[in-house]
Amino acid sequence: MSESNIKPLFLEELISSRIYLIREKKVMLDEDLAELYDVETRRLNEQVKRNMVRFPLDFMFQLTKVEFGNLKSQSATSRWGGRRKFPNAFSEQGVAMLSGVLHSERAIKVNIQIMRVFTQMREMLQTHKEILKKLEQLERKGLEQDDKIILIFEYLKQLEQVKLHHIDLQNRKRVGFKRKDES
């Protein structure tokens, strides 16, 4: 992937497709990052090893056998063949830290794009949370309104029963003496 082939929109889509949710964190794998930075995966990992102090566990972790298996089963084509070690996963902060250990101009440009994608994802999630919150409020209001509507119908039924009772009282056969004009 040469630098002239990278268009911002394409790059954003490519980056988005390479962000995974592992251990309840959005992460990118070393192999995907190496491809984006146009370096070999082993070179990227060498730089990380030389600078391990910059990558605490919340910035970078190695996938377990189970996580790696789950990840491979999710992707239609296996591009993981030939690895001797399980991939390293980098959180947003870990990706940001990579720009400090990879000094190429391309790595810096790609990192900026990756940070923008992470930010967009976070903003979208926040928007979705707000929408869900509003829907929940509307649903609660709807339930309250439903209760009020049911109560109104109950009152209407009671009024209808009173009216029917009143009509029945007026139409009942009178008992007692009848006057000549009533017959």
Foldseek 3Di string as FASTA:
>chain_A
DDPVPDDLVVLLVLLVVQWDQDPNATWGWLCSLCVQLVHHSVVLVVLCVVVVVQADPVFKDFDDPVRQVVVQVPDPDDPPPPDPGGIMIGGLSNLVVSCVRDPDPSSVVSNVSSNVSVVVVVVVVVVVVVVVVVVVVVVVVVVVVVVVVVVVVVVVVVVVVVVVVVVCVVPDDDDDDDDPVVD
